[in-house]
Amino acid sequence: MPLRLFLSSGDLMADRRFEFARDLQLKGDLPAAADLLEQALELAPSFTSAWFTLGEIRSQLGERDKAIAAFREARRSDPADQHGAGLHLIRLGDEQLSEMPKAYVQALFDQYAPRFEDVLINDLGYRAPSLIFKAVLAARVAAKKPALFKRAIDLGCGTGLAAAAFARQVDQFVGIDLSPGMIKQARATGLYAEFEVADMIDGLRGKSDASANLVVAADAFVYLSDLAPVLTEARRVLVSGGVLAFTLETHDGSGIVLGEGLRYAHAAEYVRGAIAGAGLKLLTLEPASPRNENNEPVRGLVVVAEKT
């Protein structure tokens, strides 16, 4: 995973106590770490990173109410919520399911960018791009259509792994990602004709009607709760007969849940309904693990849909 986000308090002593507290947290001495963080917060009451870390520790200690209070303070001191305190409040049952803060996603992946491919491929067995490629190829063969696309949009393009998987099938790739750090890595591949730093929905909204033959999202929709807006926009930008393909994480229940890894998991029936609601024809919805976590395959889905 990326290096941990740290926002300085502006107070040297408070920052020093935070560093000591993090060391203690990593060593498992949670009560002592919490005590040091509270000392830091006495010196710097709006120290976002300290409030957030205190929330994590209180949660680890099973002190739910104190954890909620700390995460609320973390978000109050940083309304953009770069640490993602609001996601922990959802996990703790203090708030209803909602979309991720854009500042959190951007900060997360800007930090992750330099190590992204190495960690995903070598540590997590990342396979979402190849799953999407094989599913699209199979769907086109079944429909007796060529798996060749003039113009494709890669949503949440990251460092360019999806474009690499489709390099021989696509004439021109457009990459959209919220993280400038990821875009920088993807640009170095030479696989894209253009880029846009934007979230997936806003990026699609800036594209013309019927301007793409293929839209792919490899392990990107796990950062969206409600899929309806992105599916609707994807349908609009696709030509008739155009293809949308993506991976998701899933679960046995219904609807959408925020998982322990702070990614959304979508039930298969929810996905079917969302595809139909967007006016797309579902071609493929199959169980497929996009990567590993804690040395176990993550439960997922690979989805292919078509604009008719």
C-alpha atoms as a PDB file:
ATOM      1  CA  MET A   1       0.000   0.000   0.000  1.00  0.00           C
ATOM      2  CA  PRO A   2       1.048   3.648  -0.398  1.00  0.00           C
ATOM      3  CA  LEU A   3       2.918   5.623   2.167  1.00  0.00           C
ATOM      4  CA  ARG A   4       0.634   6.957   4.849  1.00  0.00           C
ATOM      5  CA  LEU A   5      -0.728  10.468   4.289  1.00  0.00           C
ATOM      6  CA  PHE A   6       0.682  12.951   6.783  1.00  0.00           C
ATOM      7  CA  LEU A   7      -0.521  16.534   7.159  1.00  0.00           C
ATOM      8  CA  SER A   8       1.771  18.487   9.457  1.00  0.00           C
ATOM      9  CA  SER A   9       0.227  20.328  12.387  1.00  0.00           C
ATOM     10  CA  GLY A  10       2.672  23.189  11.964  1.00  0.00           C
ATOM     11  CA  ASP A  11       3.895  22.548  15.520  1.00  0.00           C
ATOM     12  CA  LEU A  12       7.244  20.746  15.696  1.00  0.00           C
ATOM     13  CA  MET A  13       6.572  19.203  19.119  1.00  0.00           C
ATOM     14  CA  ALA A  14       3.131  17.994  18.103  1.00  0.00           C
ATOM     15  CA  ASP A  15       4.540  16.449  14.916  1.00  0.00           C
ATOM     16  CA  ARG A  16       7.285  14.768  16.942  1.00  0.00           C
ATOM     17  CA  ARG A  17       4.742  13.233  19.333  1.00  0.00           C
ATOM     18  CA  PHE A  18       2.740  12.017  16.357  1.00  0.00           C
ATOM     19  CA  GLU A  19       5.799  10.244  14.946  1.00  0.00           C
ATOM     20  CA  PHE A  20       6.452   8.521  18.269  1.00  0.00           C
ATOM     21  CA  ALA A  21       2.793   7.553  18.493  1.00  0.00           C
ATOM     22  CA  ARG A  22       2.857   5.982  15.037  1.00  0.00           C
ATOM     23  CA  ASP A  23       5.908   3.931  16.014  1.00  0.00           C
ATOM     24  CA  LEU A  24       4.076   2.675  19.086  1.00  0.00           C
ATOM     25  CA  GLN A  25       0.966   1.924  17.030  1.00  0.00           C
ATOM     26  CA  LEU A  26       2.973  -0.164  14.591  1.00  0.00           C
ATOM     27  CA  LYS A  27       4.585  -2.021  17.500  1.00  0.00           C
ATOM     28  CA  GLY A  28       1.151  -2.789  18.939  1.00  0.00           C
ATOM     29  CA  ASP A  29       1.285  -0.566  22.033  1.00  0.00           C
ATOM     30  CA  LEU A  30      -2.046   1.097  21.285  1.00  0.00           C
ATOM     31  CA  PRO A  31      -2.835   2.667  24.696  1.00  0.00           C
ATOM     32  CA  ALA A  32       0.563   4.384  24.801  1.00  0.00           C
ATOM     33  CA  ALA A  33       0.138   5.552  21.216  1.00  0.00           C
ATOM     34  CA  ALA A  34      -3.283   7.012  22.032  1.00  0.00           C
ATOM     35  CA  ASP A  35      -1.840   8.847  25.015  1.00  0.00           C
ATOM     36  CA  LEU A  36       0.885  10.445  22.875  1.00  0.00           C
ATOM     37  CA  LEU A  37      -1.641  11.473  20.237  1.00  0.00           C
ATOM     38  CA  GLU A  38      -3.771  13.172  22.862  1.00  0.00           C
ATOM     39  CA  GLN A  39      -0.665  15.055  24.000  1.00  0.00           C
ATOM     40  CA  ALA A  40      -0.065  16.137  20.404  1.00  0.00           C
ATOM     41  CA  LEU A  41      -3.661  17.311  20.111  1.00  0.00           C
ATOM     42  CA  GLU A  42      -3.332  19.412  23.242  1.00  0.00           C
ATOM     43  CA  LEU A  43      -0.532  21.259  21.442  1.00  0.00           C
ATOM     44  CA  ALA A  44      -2.329  21.372  18.056  1.00  0.00           C
ATOM     45  CA  PRO A  45      -6.123  20.913  18.421  1.00  0.00           C
ATOM     46  CA  SER A  46      -6.717  20.894  14.644  1.00  0.00           C
ATOM     47  CA  PHE A  47      -4.039  18.293  13.845  1.00  0.00           C
ATOM     48  CA  THR A  48      -5.911  16.222  11.245  1.00  0.00           C
ATOM     49  CA  SER A  49      -3.453  13.335  10.996  1.00  0.00           C
ATOM     50  CA  ALA A  50      -3.399  12.933  14.776  1.00  0.00           C
ATOM     51  CA  TRP A  51      -7.199  12.903  15.026  1.00  0.00           C
ATOM     52  CA  PHE A  52      -7.422  10.356  12.216  1.00  0.00           C
ATOM     53  CA  THR A  53      -4.789   8.062  13.715  1.00  0.00           C
ATOM     54  CA  LEU A  54      -6.414   8.364  17.135  1.00  0.00           C
ATOM     55  CA  GLY A  55      -9.679   7.263  15.512  1.00  0.00           C
ATOM     56  CA  GLU A  56      -7.967   4.213  14.046  1.00  0.00           C
ATOM     57  CA  ILE A  57      -6.468   3.286  17.411  1.00  0.00           C
ATOM     58  CA  ARG A  58      -9.722   3.784  19.317  1.00  0.00           C
ATOM     59  CA  SER A  59     -11.407   1.568  16.748  1.00  0.00           C
ATOM     60  CA  GLN A  60      -8.702  -1.089  17.133  1.00  0.00           C
ATOM     61  CA  LEU A  61      -9.223  -0.961  20.892  1.00  0.00           C
ATOM     62  CA  GLY A  62     -12.972  -1.480  20.450  1.00  0.00           C
ATOM     63  CA  GLU A  63     -13.777   2.003  21.750  1.00  0.00           C
ATOM     64  CA  ARG A  64     -16.420   2.812  19.146  1.00  0.00           C
ATOM     65  CA  ASP A  65     -17.766   6.082  20.572  1.00  0.00           C
ATOM     66  CA  LYS A  66     -14.274   7.507  21.067  1.00  0.00           C
ATOM     67  CA  ALA A  67     -13.284   6.391  17.576  1.00  0.00           C
ATOM     68  CA  ILE A  68     -16.315   8.129  16.090  1.00  0.00           C
ATOM     69  CA  ALA A  69     -15.507  11.322  17.985  1.00  0.00           C
ATOM     70  CA  ALA A  70     -11.914  11.288  16.715  1.00  0.00           C
ATOM     71  CA  PHE A  71     -12.870  10.632  13.099  1.00  0.00           C
ATOM     72  CA  ARG A  72     -15.427  13.444  13.268  1.00  0.00           C
ATOM     73  CA  GLU A  73     -12.703  15.796  14.468  1.00  0.00           C
ATOM     74  CA  ALA A  74     -10.398  14.644  11.675  1.00  0.00           C
ATOM     75  CA  ARG A  75     -13.002  15.564   9.099  1.00  0.00           C
ATOM     76  CA  ARG A  76     -13.884  18.827  10.837  1.00  0.00           C
ATOM     77  CA  SER A  77     -10.249  19.918  10.695  1.00  0.00           C
ATOM     78  CA  ASP A  78      -9.981  18.894   7.016  1.00  0.00           C
ATOM     79  CA  PRO A  79     -13.410  19.224   5.323  1.00  0.00           C
ATOM     80  CA  ALA A  80     -11.971  17.834   2.066  1.00  0.00           C
ATOM     81  CA  ASP A  81     -11.281  14.656   4.077  1.00  0.00           C
ATOM     82  CA  GLN A  82      -7.988  13.632   2.484  1.00  0.00           C
ATOM     83  CA  HIS A  83      -7.572  10.869   5.091  1.00  0.00           C
ATOM     84  CA  GLY A  84     -10.995   9.358   4.408  1.00  0.00           C
ATOM     85  CA  ALA A  85     -12.326   9.736   7.961  1.00  0.00           C
ATOM     86  CA  GLY A  86     -15.871   9.702   6.617  1.00  0.00           C
ATOM     87  CA  LEU A  87     -15.367   6.189   5.261  1.00  0.00           C
ATOM     88  CA  HIS A  88     -14.453   4.979   8.736  1.00  0.00           C
ATOM     89  CA  LEU A  89     -17.575   6.652  10.110  1.00  0.00           C
ATOM     90  CA  ILE A  90     -19.587   4.626   7.579  1.00  0.00           C
ATOM     91  CA  ARG A  91     -17.813   1.440   8.636  1.00  0.00           C
ATOM     92  CA  LEU A  92     -18.554   2.239  12.290  1.00  0.00           C
ATOM     93  CA  GLY A  93     -22.251   2.686  11.505  1.00  0.00           C
ATOM     94  CA  ASP A  94     -22.266   6.368  12.352  1.00  0.00           C
ATOM     95  CA  GLU A  95     -23.164   7.527   8.827  1.00  0.00           C
ATOM     96  CA  GLN A  96     -25.096   6.230   5.841  1.00  0.00           C
ATOM     97  CA  LEU A  97     -23.317   4.885   2.791  1.00  0.00           C
ATOM     98  CA  SER A  98     -22.102   7.724   0.572  1.00  0.00           C
ATOM     99  CA  GLU A  99     -19.561   8.394  -2.147  1.00  0.00           C
ATOM    100  CA  MET A 100     -15.845   8.655  -1.385  1.00  0.00           C
ATOM    101  CA  PRO A 101     -14.327  12.125  -0.959  1.00  0.00           C
ATOM    102  CA  LYS A 102     -12.496  13.047  -4.162  1.00  0.00           C
ATOM    103  CA  ALA A 103      -9.607  14.508  -2.157  1.00  0.00           C
ATOM    104  CA  TYR A 104      -9.153  11.154  -0.396  1.00  0.00           C
ATOM    105  CA  VAL A 105      -9.016   9.166  -3.660  1.00  0.00           C
ATOM    106  CA  GLN A 106      -6.627  11.650  -5.234  1.00  0.00           C
ATOM    107  CA  ALA A 107      -4.294  11.716  -2.224  1.00  0.00           C
ATOM    108  CA  LEU A 108      -4.370   7.917  -1.959  1.00  0.00           C
ATOM    109  CA  PHE A 109      -3.333   7.318  -5.552  1.00  0.00           C
ATOM    110  CA  ASP A 110      -0.907  10.203  -5.836  1.00  0.00           C
ATOM    111  CA  GLN A 111       1.050   8.528  -3.035  1.00  0.00           C
ATOM    112  CA  TYR A 112       0.577   5.078  -4.540  1.00  0.00           C
ATOM    113  CA  ALA A 113       1.620   5.991  -8.110  1.00  0.00           C
ATOM    114  CA  PRO A 114       5.398   5.343  -7.962  1.00  0.00           C
ATOM    115  CA  ARG A 115       4.897   1.840  -6.495  1.00  0.00           C
ATOM    116  CA  PHE A 116       1.514   0.996  -8.013  1.00  0.00           C
ATOM    117  CA  GLU A 117       2.457  -1.550 -10.655  1.00  0.00           C
ATOM    118  CA  ASP A 118       5.091  -3.262  -8.541  1.00  0.00           C
ATOM    119  CA  VAL A 119       2.733  -3.754  -5.598  1.00  0.00           C
ATOM    120  CA  LEU A 120      -0.293  -4.747  -7.680  1.00  0.00           C
ATOM    121  CA  ILE A 121       1.459  -7.215  -9.939  1.00  0.00           C
ATOM    122  CA  ASN A 122       4.121  -8.673  -7.654  1.00  0.00           C
ATOM    123  CA  ASP A 123       2.341  -8.538  -4.292  1.00  0.00           C
ATOM    124  CA  LEU A 124      -1.384  -8.636  -5.100  1.00  0.00           C
ATOM    125  CA  GLY A 125      -1.498 -10.738  -8.254  1.00  0.00           C
ATOM    126  CA  TYR A 126      -3.468  -8.040 -10.063  1.00  0.00           C
ATOM    127  CA  ARG A 127      -5.373  -9.452 -13.027  1.00  0.00           C
ATOM    128  CA  ALA A 128      -8.299  -7.084 -13.695  1.00  0.00           C
ATOM    129  CA  PRO A 129      -7.029  -5.884 -17.116  1.00  0.00           C
ATOM    130  CA  SER A 130      -6.540  -9.429 -18.417  1.00  0.00           C
ATOM    131  CA  LEU A 131      -9.969 -10.465 -17.089  1.00  0.00           C
ATOM    132  CA  ILE A 132     -11.601  -7.577 -18.915  1.00  0.00           C
ATOM    133  CA  PHE A 133      -9.660  -8.266 -22.109  1.00  0.00           C
ATOM    134  CA  LYS A 134     -10.614 -11.961 -22.161  1.00  0.00           C
ATOM    135  CA  ALA A 135     -14.267 -11.174 -21.355  1.00  0.00           C
ATOM    136  CA  VAL A 136     -14.519  -8.578 -24.134  1.00  0.00           C
ATOM    137  CA  LEU A 137     -12.834 -10.911 -26.619  1.00  0.00           C
ATOM    138  CA  ALA A 138     -15.211 -13.751 -25.709  1.00  0.00           C
ATOM    139  CA  ALA A 139     -18.264 -11.504 -25.964  1.00  0.00           C
ATOM    140  CA  ARG A 140     -17.226 -10.240 -29.408  1.00  0.00           C
ATOM    141  CA  VAL A 141     -16.496 -13.747 -30.663  1.00  0.00           C
ATOM    142  CA  ALA A 142     -19.913 -14.900 -29.421  1.00  0.00           C
ATOM    143  CA  ALA A 143     -21.552 -11.992 -31.245  1.00  0.00           C
ATOM    144  CA  LYS A 144     -19.441 -12.665 -34.368  1.00  0.00           C
ATOM    145  CA  LYS A 145     -18.043  -9.141 -34.212  1.00  0.00           C
ATOM    146  CA  PRO A 146     -14.397  -8.082 -34.428  1.00  0.00           C
ATOM    147  CA  ALA A 147     -12.666  -7.219 -31.147  1.00  0.00           C
ATOM    148  CA  LEU A 148     -11.161  -4.095 -32.689  1.00  0.00           C
ATOM    149  CA  PHE A 149     -12.018  -0.613 -31.478  1.00  0.00           C
ATOM    150  CA  LYS A 150     -11.195   2.748 -33.022  1.00  0.00           C
ATOM    151  CA  ARG A 151     -11.439   4.875 -29.866  1.00  0.00           C
ATOM    152  CA  ALA A 152     -11.462   3.709 -26.226  1.00  0.00           C
ATOM    153  CA  ILE A 153     -11.796   5.472 -22.882  1.00  0.00           C
ATOM    154  CA  ASP A 154      -9.922   4.045 -19.896  1.00  0.00           C
ATOM    155  CA  LEU A 155     -11.696   5.124 -16.694  1.00  0.00           C
ATOM    156  CA  GLY A 156      -9.448   5.303 -13.643  1.00  0.00           C
ATOM    157  CA  CYS A 157      -6.597   4.533 -16.008  1.00  0.00           C
ATOM    158  CA  GLY A 158      -3.933   4.355 -13.298  1.00  0.00           C
ATOM    159  CA  THR A 159      -0.523   3.639 -14.761  1.00  0.00           C
ATOM    160  CA  GLY A 160      -1.890   2.243 -18.009  1.00  0.00           C
ATOM    161  CA  LEU A 161      -2.262  -1.478 -17.400  1.00  0.00           C
ATOM    162  CA  ALA A 162      -5.657  -1.726 -19.110  1.00  0.00           C
ATOM    163  CA  ALA A 163      -4.392   0.109 -22.179  1.00  0.00           C
ATOM    164  CA  ALA A 164      -1.458  -2.295 -22.314  1.00  0.00           C
ATOM    165  CA  ALA A 165      -3.847  -5.260 -22.282  1.00  0.00           C
ATOM    166  CA  PHE A 166      -5.851  -3.811 -25.203  1.00  0.00           C
ATOM    167  CA  ALA A 167      -2.929  -2.253 -27.084  1.00  0.00           C
ATOM    168  CA  ARG A 168      -3.432  -4.358 -30.229  1.00  0.00           C
ATOM    169  CA  GLN A 169      -7.217  -3.979 -30.215  1.00  0.00           C
ATOM    170  CA  VAL A 170      -7.527  -0.194 -29.857  1.00  0.00           C
ATOM    171  CA  ASP A 171      -6.389   2.530 -32.248  1.00  0.00           C
ATOM    172  CA  GLN A 172      -6.638   5.412 -29.793  1.00  0.00           C
ATOM    173  CA  PHE A 173      -6.869   5.427 -25.984  1.00  0.00           C
ATOM    174  CA  VAL A 174      -8.053   8.292 -23.765  1.00  0.00           C
ATOM    175  CA  GLY A 175      -7.047   8.023 -20.106  1.00  0.00           C
ATOM    176  CA  ILE A 176      -9.112   9.557 -17.306  1.00  0.00           C
ATOM    177  CA  ASP A 177      -7.870   9.524 -13.727  1.00  0.00           C
ATOM    178  CA  LEU A 178      -8.330  11.714 -10.666  1.00  0.00           C
ATOM    179  CA  SER A 179      -4.670  11.347  -9.700  1.00  0.00           C
ATOM    180  CA  PRO A 180      -2.062  13.495 -11.493  1.00  0.00           C
ATOM    181  CA  GLY A 181       0.559  11.082 -10.158  1.00  0.00           C
ATOM    182  CA  MET A 182      -1.084   8.178 -11.949  1.00  0.00           C
ATOM    183  CA  ILE A 183      -1.465  10.180 -15.147  1.00  0.00           C
ATOM    184  CA  LYS A 184       2.247  10.947 -15.056  1.00  0.00           C
ATOM    185  CA  GLN A 185       3.037   7.227 -14.905  1.00  0.00           C
ATOM    186  CA  ALA A 186       0.545   6.389 -17.669  1.00  0.00           C
ATOM    187  CA  ARG A 187       1.892   9.108 -19.958  1.00  0.00           C
ATOM    188  CA  ALA A 188       5.300   7.439 -19.892  1.00  0.00           C
ATOM    189  CA  THR A 189       3.856   4.299 -21.523  1.00  0.00           C
ATOM    190  CA  GLY A 190       3.114   6.076 -24.804  1.00  0.00           C
ATOM    191  CA  LEU A 191      -0.151   4.122 -25.062  1.00  0.00           C
ATOM    192  CA  TYR A 192      -2.558   7.063 -24.794  1.00  0.00           C
ATOM    193  CA  ALA A 193      -3.511   9.759 -27.270  1.00  0.00           C
ATOM    194  CA  GLU A 194      -4.773  12.059 -24.524  1.00  0.00           C
ATOM    195  CA  PHE A 195      -5.408  12.319 -20.796  1.00  0.00           C
ATOM    196  CA  GLU A 196      -7.731  14.106 -18.453  1.00  0.00           C
ATOM    197  CA  VAL A 197      -7.268  14.615 -14.723  1.00  0.00           C
ATOM    198  CA  ALA A 198     -10.839  14.175 -13.488  1.00  0.00           C
ATOM    199  CA  ASP A 199     -13.046  11.741 -11.686  1.00  0.00           C
ATOM    200  CA  MET A 200     -14.666   9.130 -13.882  1.00  0.00           C
ATOM    201  CA  ILE A 201     -18.123  10.678 -14.093  1.00  0.00           C
ATOM    202  CA  ASP A 202     -16.951  14.241 -14.740  1.00  0.00           C
ATOM    203  CA  GLY A 203     -14.456  12.952 -17.281  1.00  0.00           C
ATOM    204  CA  LEU A 204     -17.182  11.177 -19.224  1.00  0.00           C
ATOM    205  CA  ARG A 205     -19.488  14.191 -19.026  1.00  0.00           C
ATOM    206  CA  GLY A 206     -16.895  16.172 -20.936  1.00  0.00           C
ATOM    207  CA  LYS A 207     -16.966  13.719 -23.860  1.00  0.00           C
ATOM    208  CA  SER A 208     -19.246  14.028 -26.878  1.00  0.00           C
ATOM    209  CA  ASP A 209     -22.169  11.709 -27.551  1.00  0.00           C
ATOM    210  CA  ALA A 210     -21.248   8.532 -29.439  1.00  0.00           C
ATOM    211  CA  SER A 211     -17.535   9.355 -29.333  1.00  0.00           C
ATOM    212  CA  ALA A 212     -16.143   6.024 -28.085  1.00  0.00           C
ATOM    213  CA  ASN A 213     -16.287   2.422 -29.241  1.00  0.00           C
ATOM    214  CA  LEU A 214     -15.063   0.948 -25.967  1.00  0.00           C
ATOM    215  CA  VAL A 215     -15.085   2.071 -22.316  1.00  0.00           C
ATOM    216  CA  VAL A 216     -13.085   0.064 -19.770  1.00  0.00           C
ATOM    217  CA  ALA A 217     -12.662   0.407 -16.002  1.00  0.00           C
ATOM    218  CA  ALA A 218     -10.213  -2.027 -14.421  1.00  0.00           C
ATOM    219  CA  ASP A 219     -10.709  -2.175 -10.647  1.00  0.00           C
ATOM    220  CA  ALA A 220     -11.932   1.434 -10.715  1.00  0.00           C
ATOM    221  CA  PHE A 221     -15.670   1.170  -9.981  1.00  0.00           C
ATOM    222  CA  VAL A 222     -14.783  -0.168  -6.514  1.00  0.00           C
ATOM    223  CA  TYR A 223     -14.341   3.515  -5.614  1.00  0.00           C
ATOM    224  CA  LEU A 224     -17.931   4.324  -6.627  1.00  0.00           C
ATOM    225  CA  SER A 225     -20.970   3.460  -4.564  1.00  0.00           C
ATOM    226  CA  ASP A 226     -23.832   4.293  -6.926  1.00  0.00           C
ATOM    227  CA  LEU A 227     -23.001   2.971 -10.394  1.00  0.00           C
ATOM    228  CA  ALA A 228     -25.985   4.593 -12.131  1.00  0.00           C
ATOM    229  CA  PRO A 229     -24.302   7.935 -13.017  1.00  0.00           C
ATOM    230  CA  VAL A 230     -21.161   6.402 -14.523  1.00  0.00           C
ATOM    231  CA  LEU A 231     -23.131   3.750 -16.422  1.00  0.00           C
ATOM    232  CA  THR A 232     -25.507   6.364 -17.826  1.00  0.00           C
ATOM    233  CA  GLU A 233     -22.625   8.549 -19.000  1.00  0.00           C
ATOM    234  CA  ALA A 234     -20.796   5.558 -20.456  1.00  0.00           C
ATOM    235  CA  ARG A 235     -23.853   4.640 -22.509  1.00  0.00           C
ATOM    236  CA  ARG A 236     -24.121   8.204 -23.804  1.00  0.00           C
ATOM    237  CA  VAL A 237     -20.522   8.366 -25.032  1.00  0.00           C
ATOM    238  CA  LEU A 238     -20.606   4.924 -26.644  1.00  0.00           C
ATOM    239  CA  VAL A 239     -21.528   4.459 -30.278  1.00  0.00           C
ATOM    240  CA  SER A 240     -24.310   2.032 -31.109  1.00  0.00           C
ATOM    241  CA  GLY A 241     -22.813  -1.414 -30.629  1.00  0.00           C
ATOM    242  CA  GLY A 242     -20.096   0.018 -28.391  1.00  0.00           C
ATOM    243  CA  VAL A 243     -18.848  -1.972 -25.407  1.00  0.00           C
ATOM    244  CA  LEU A 244     -18.459  -1.190 -21.694  1.00  0.00           C
ATOM    245  CA  ALA A 245     -16.314  -3.581 -19.623  1.00  0.00           C
ATOM    246  CA  PHE A 246     -15.274  -3.420 -15.993  1.00  0.00           C
ATOM    247  CA  THR A 247     -14.439  -5.342 -12.836  1.00  0.00           C
ATOM    248  CA  LEU A 248     -15.995  -4.996  -9.400  1.00  0.00           C
ATOM    249  CA  GLU A 249     -15.710  -6.462  -5.935  1.00  0.00           C
ATOM    250  CA  THR A 250     -18.812  -8.301  -4.772  1.00  0.00           C
ATOM    251  CA  HIS A 251     -20.508  -9.838  -1.726  1.00  0.00           C
ATOM    252  CA  ASP A 252     -23.264 -12.321  -0.878  1.00  0.00           C
ATOM    253  CA  GLY A 253     -25.841  -9.808   0.333  1.00  0.00           C
ATOM    254  CA  SER A 254     -27.859  -7.258  -1.575  1.00  0.00           C
ATOM    255  CA  GLY A 255     -27.041  -3.761  -2.744  1.00  0.00           C
ATOM    256  CA  ILE A 256     -23.746  -2.083  -1.921  1.00  0.00           C
ATOM    257  CA  VAL A 257     -21.439  -2.345   1.090  1.00  0.00           C
ATOM    258  CA  LEU A 258     -18.215  -0.599   2.046  1.00  0.00           C
ATOM    259  CA  GLY A 259     -15.700  -3.329   2.726  1.00  0.00           C
ATOM    260  CA  GLU A 260     -12.960  -3.526   5.312  1.00  0.00           C
ATOM    261  CA  GLY A 261     -10.442  -2.429   2.676  1.00  0.00           C
ATOM    262  CA  LEU A 262     -12.455   0.786   2.142  1.00  0.00           C
ATOM    263  CA  ARG A 263     -13.663  -0.198  -1.307  1.00  0.00           C
ATOM    264  CA  TYR A 264     -17.271  -0.708  -2.334  1.00  0.00           C
ATOM    265  CA  ALA A 265     -18.575  -4.187  -3.061  1.00  0.00           C
ATOM    266  CA  HIS A 266     -21.616  -4.522  -5.326  1.00  0.00           C
ATOM    267  CA  ALA A 267     -23.996  -7.470  -5.272  1.00  0.00           C
ATOM    268  CA  ALA A 268     -24.526  -9.194  -8.617  1.00  0.00           C
ATOM    269  CA  GLU A 269     -28.250  -8.432  -8.683  1.00  0.00           C
ATOM    270  CA  TYR A 270     -27.545  -4.760  -8.012  1.00  0.00           C
ATOM    271  CA  VAL A 271     -25.202  -4.731 -11.020  1.00  0.00           C
ATOM    272  CA  ARG A 272     -27.809  -6.379 -13.247  1.00  0.00           C
ATOM    273  CA  GLY A 273     -30.356  -3.756 -12.247  1.00  0.00           C
ATOM    274  CA  ALA A 274     -27.919  -0.883 -12.733  1.00  0.00           C
ATOM    275  CA  ILE A 275     -26.959  -2.098 -16.209  1.00  0.00           C
ATOM    276  CA  ALA A 276     -30.616  -2.416 -17.211  1.00  0.00           C
ATOM    277  CA  GLY A 277     -31.459   0.942 -15.667  1.00  0.00           C
ATOM    278  CA  ALA A 278     -28.773   2.630 -17.750  1.00  0.00           C
ATOM    279  CA  GLY A 279     -30.248   1.192 -20.929  1.00  0.00           C
ATOM    280  CA  LEU A 280     -27.354  -1.154 -21.621  1.00  0.00           C
ATOM    281  CA  LYS A 281     -27.536  -4.786 -22.717  1.00  0.00           C
ATOM    282  CA  LEU A 282     -25.726  -7.134 -20.341  1.00  0.00           C
ATOM    283  CA  LEU A 283     -23.486  -9.576 -22.204  1.00  0.00           C
ATOM    284  CA  THR A 284     -21.323 -10.973 -19.396  1.00  0.00           C
ATOM    285  CA  LEU A 285     -21.541 -11.035 -15.610  1.00  0.00           C
ATOM    286  CA  GLU A 286     -19.270 -13.675 -14.151  1.00  0.00           C
ATOM    287  CA  PRO A 287     -17.442 -14.283 -10.858  1.00  0.00           C
ATOM    288  CA  ALA A 288     -13.783 -13.344 -11.229  1.00  0.00           C
ATOM    289  CA  SER A 289     -11.176 -12.264  -8.711  1.00  0.00           C
ATOM    290  CA  PRO A 290      -9.360  -9.074  -9.793  1.00  0.00           C
ATOM    291  CA  ARG A 291      -6.509  -9.451  -7.281  1.00  0.00           C
ATOM    292  CA  ASN A 292      -5.476 -10.918  -3.935  1.00  0.00           C
ATOM    293  CA  GLU A 293      -5.692  -9.453  -0.461  1.00  0.00           C
ATOM    294  CA  ASN A 294      -4.053 -11.027   2.589  1.00  0.00           C
ATOM    295  CA  ASN A 295      -2.968 -13.834   0.235  1.00  0.00           C
ATOM    296  CA  GLU A 296      -6.578 -14.675  -0.608  1.00  0.00           C
ATOM    297  CA  PRO A 297      -8.441 -13.982  -3.872  1.00  0.00           C
ATOM    298  CA  VAL A 298     -10.778 -11.000  -3.579  1.00  0.00           C
ATOM    299  CA  ARG A 299     -14.315 -11.910  -4.599  1.00  0.00           C
ATOM    300  CA  GLY A 300     -15.220 -10.016  -7.715  1.00  0.00           C
ATOM    301  CA  LEU A 301     -17.158  -9.785 -10.952  1.00  0.00           C
ATOM    302  CA  VAL A 302     -16.197  -9.141 -14.544  1.00  0.00           C
ATOM    303  CA  VAL A 303     -18.911  -7.356 -16.508  1.00  0.00           C
ATOM    304  CA  VAL A 304     -19.372  -6.651 -20.208  1.00  0.00           C
ATOM    305  CA  ALA A 305     -22.306  -4.655 -21.550  1.00  0.00           C
ATOM    306  CA  GLU A 306     -23.255  -3.228 -24.929  1.00  0.00           C
ATOM    307  CA  LYS A 307     -25.075  -0.158 -26.172  1.00  0.00           C
ATOM    308  CA  THR A 308     -27.753  -1.439 -28.543  1.00  0.00           C
END
